[in-house]
C-alpha atoms as a PDB file:
ATOM      1  CA  MET A   1      82.636 108.222 104.432  1.00  0.00           C
ATOM      2  CA  VAL A   2      86.063 109.825 104.174  1.00  0.00           C
ATOM      3  CA  SER A   3      88.663 108.679 106.680  1.00  0.00           C
ATOM      4  CA  PRO A   4      89.748 111.162 109.366  1.00  0.00           C
ATOM      5  CA  ILE A   5      93.322 110.929 108.030  1.00  0.00           C
ATOM      6  CA  VAL A   6      92.296 112.035 104.524  1.00  0.00           C
ATOM      7  CA  HIS A   7      90.096 114.789 105.991  1.00  0.00           C
ATOM      8  CA  GLU A   8      92.982 116.118 108.095  1.00  0.00           C
ATOM      9  CA  ARG A   9      95.433 115.950 105.181  1.00  0.00           C
ATOM     10  CA  LEU A  10      93.167 117.992 102.920  1.00  0.00           C
ATOM     11  CA  VAL A  11      92.479 120.615 105.585  1.00  0.00           C
ATOM     12  CA  ARG A  12      96.208 120.889 106.354  1.00  0.00           C
ATOM     13  CA  ALA A  13      97.200 121.097 102.682  1.00  0.00           C
ATOM     14  CA  ILE A  14      94.723 123.935 102.110  1.00  0.00           C
ATOM     15  CA  ARG A  15      95.716 125.777 105.291  1.00  0.00           C
ATOM     16  CA  GLU A  16      99.439 125.502 104.458  1.00  0.00           C
ATOM     17  CA  LYS A  17      98.942 126.014 100.677  1.00  0.00           C
ATOM     18  CA  ARG A  18     100.754 122.793  99.848  1.00  0.00           C
ATOM     19  CA  LEU A  19     100.353 120.686  96.729  1.00  0.00           C
ATOM     20  CA  ILE A  20      98.736 117.268  96.965  1.00  0.00           C
ATOM     21  CA  SER A  21      99.279 114.122  94.931  1.00  0.00           C
ATOM     22  CA  PHE A  22      96.640 111.434  94.528  1.00  0.00           C
ATOM     23  CA  ASP A  23      95.177 108.763  92.306  1.00  0.00           C
ATOM     24  CA  TYR A  24      91.585 109.074  91.123  1.00  0.00           C
ATOM     25  CA  LYS A  25      89.504 106.198  89.851  1.00  0.00           C
ATOM     26  CA  SER A  26      91.483 104.670  86.968  1.00  0.00           C
ATOM     27  CA  THR A  27      94.127 107.405  86.717  1.00  0.00           C
ATOM     28  CA  THR A  28      97.313 107.785  88.738  1.00  0.00           C
ATOM     29  CA  GLY A  29      99.825 110.467  89.581  1.00  0.00           C
ATOM     30  CA  ARG A  30      97.717 113.619  89.714  1.00  0.00           C
ATOM     31  CA  VAL A  31      99.277 116.692  91.357  1.00  0.00           C
ATOM     32  CA  ALA A  32      97.066 119.627  92.284  1.00  0.00           C
ATOM     33  CA  GLU A  33      96.606 122.791  94.312  1.00  0.00           C
ATOM     34  CA  PRO A  34      93.709 122.123  96.719  1.00  0.00           C
ATOM     35  CA  HIS A  35      91.532 125.250  96.985  1.00  0.00           C
ATOM     36  CA  ASP A  36      88.195 124.236  98.558  1.00  0.00           C
ATOM     37  CA  TYR A  37      87.086 121.189 100.506  1.00  0.00           C
ATOM     38  CA  GLY A  38      83.526 120.683 101.650  1.00  0.00           C
ATOM     39  CA  MET A  39      80.187 118.945 101.338  1.00  0.00           C
ATOM     40  CA  LYS A  40      77.965 119.026  98.272  1.00  0.00           C
ATOM     41  CA  GLY A  41      74.846 117.178  99.310  1.00  0.00           C
ATOM     42  CA  ASP A  42      76.015 113.950 100.942  1.00  0.00           C
ATOM     43  CA  ALA A  43      79.401 113.895  99.189  1.00  0.00           C
ATOM     44  CA  GLU A  44      82.713 115.287 100.392  1.00  0.00           C
ATOM     45  CA  CYS A  45      84.324 117.071  97.437  1.00  0.00           C
ATOM     46  CA  ALA A  46      87.536 118.945  96.721  1.00  0.00           C
ATOM     47  CA  LEU A  47      87.889 121.791  94.240  1.00  0.00           C
ATOM     48  CA  VAL A  48      91.460 121.728  92.968  1.00  0.00           C
ATOM     49  CA  TYR A  49      93.583 123.226  90.249  1.00  0.00           C
ATOM     50  CA  GLN A  50      95.323 120.218  88.701  1.00  0.00           C
ATOM     51  CA  ILE A  51      98.818 121.071  87.482  1.00  0.00           C
ATOM     52  CA  THR A  52     100.042 117.698  86.221  1.00  0.00           C
ATOM     53  CA  GLY A  53      99.100 114.066  85.866  1.00  0.00           C
ATOM     54  CA  GLN A  54      96.641 111.909  84.038  1.00  0.00           C
ATOM     55  CA  SER A  55      93.021 112.719  83.360  1.00  0.00           C
ATOM     56  CA  ARG A  56      90.236 110.657  81.828  1.00  0.00           C
ATOM     57  CA  THR A  57      89.073 113.755  79.922  1.00  0.00           C
ATOM     58  CA  GLY A  58      92.527 114.412  78.491  1.00  0.00           C
ATOM     59  CA  ALA A  59      92.861 117.790  80.233  1.00  0.00           C
ATOM     60  CA  SER A  60      95.905 117.333  82.459  1.00  0.00           C
ATOM     61  CA  HIS A  61      95.552 120.757  84.074  1.00  0.00           C
ATOM     62  CA  GLY A  62      92.815 123.151  85.110  1.00  0.00           C
ATOM     63  CA  TRP A  63      89.976 123.482  87.618  1.00  0.00           C
ATOM     64  CA  LYS A  64      88.456 120.157  88.631  1.00  0.00           C
ATOM     65  CA  MET A  65      86.027 118.891  91.250  1.00  0.00           C
ATOM     66  CA  PHE A  66      86.761 115.503  92.802  1.00  0.00           C
ATOM     67  CA  SER A  67      84.775 113.223  95.064  1.00  0.00           C
ATOM     68  CA  VAL A  68      87.133 112.777  98.009  1.00  0.00           C
ATOM     69  CA  SER A  69      85.936 109.219  98.647  1.00  0.00           C
ATOM     70  CA  ALA A  70      87.275 108.250  95.183  1.00  0.00           C
ATOM     71  CA  MET A  71      90.715 109.776  95.822  1.00  0.00           C
ATOM     72  CA  ALA A  72      93.411 107.243  96.756  1.00  0.00           C
ATOM     73  CA  ASN A  73      96.996 107.498  97.982  1.00  0.00           C
ATOM     74  CA  LEU A  74      96.499 111.152  98.958  1.00  0.00           C
ATOM     75  CA  GLN A  75      99.775 112.770 100.007  1.00  0.00           C
ATOM     76  CA  VAL A  76     100.570 116.320 101.080  1.00  0.00           C
ATOM     77  CA  LEU A  77     103.702 117.431  99.257  1.00  0.00           C
ATOM     78  CA  HIS A  78     106.407 119.788 100.533  1.00  0.00           C
ATOM     79  CA  LYS A  79     106.017 122.171  97.592  1.00  0.00           C
ATOM     80  CA  THR A  80     103.719 125.137  98.223  1.00  0.00           C
ATOM     81  CA  PHE A  81     101.609 127.299  95.925  1.00  0.00           C
ATOM     82  CA  ALA A  82     100.887 131.037  96.025  1.00  0.00           C
ATOM     83  CA  GLY A  83      97.254 130.853  97.090  1.00  0.00           C
ATOM     84  CA  SER A  84      93.969 131.668  95.430  1.00  0.00           C
ATOM     85  CA  ARG A  85      94.015 131.914  91.670  1.00  0.00           C
ATOM     86  CA  ALA A  86      91.050 134.312  92.001  1.00  0.00           C
ATOM     87  CA  MET A  87      89.174 132.548  89.239  1.00  0.00           C
ATOM     88  CA  PRO A  88      85.431 133.247  89.138  1.00  0.00           C
ATOM     89  CA  SER A  89      84.676 129.518  88.880  1.00  0.00           C
ATOM     90  CA  GLN A  90      86.259 128.943  92.284  1.00  0.00           C
ATOM     91  CA  HIS A  91      83.786 131.256  93.966  1.00  0.00           C
ATOM     92  CA  HIS A  92      80.652 130.035  92.175  1.00  0.00           C
ATOM     93  CA  VAL A  93      80.702 126.623  93.834  1.00  0.00           C
ATOM     94  CA  HIS A  94      77.780 126.199  96.183  1.00  0.00           C
ATOM     95  CA  TRP A  95      78.897 124.289  99.267  1.00  0.00           C
ATOM     96  CA  ASP A  96      76.425 122.848 101.739  1.00  0.00           C
ATOM     97  CA  ARG A  97      79.251 122.828 104.266  1.00  0.00           C
ATOM     98  CA  LEU A  98      82.757 124.195 103.752  1.00  0.00           C
ATOM     99  CA  PHE A  99      85.614 122.592 105.716  1.00  0.00           C
ATOM    100  CA  ALA A 100      88.508 124.609 104.283  1.00  0.00           C
ATOM    101  CA  ARG A 101      89.199 127.270 101.648  1.00  0.00           C
ATOM    102  CA  VAL A 102      92.554 128.614 100.542  1.00  0.00           C
ATOM    103  CA  GLU A 103      93.086 132.211 101.611  1.00  0.00           C
ATOM    104  CA  GLN A 104      94.855 134.890  99.613  1.00  0.00           C
END
């Protein structure tokens, strides 16, 4: 279960098109544009475009899906981003329930 604080931060970051920083599992210092946040089955997930930071796969940037319950130290940054990157992969995600999606 994701805490109400984390839920609110993700919704606000998407609504205001603000970057987020977070740690994920064994990696720290990721910075990303949050684009979608919703439910896939029983899991709350975030579709983001990571722009910097560590990655277990070695790809420090690009489209990534994260389990929100595994995200730690989530912060909404002051820096904003332009909005949707209009990438086909963003729109092919099947959400069982969508909480927030970045608008153009």
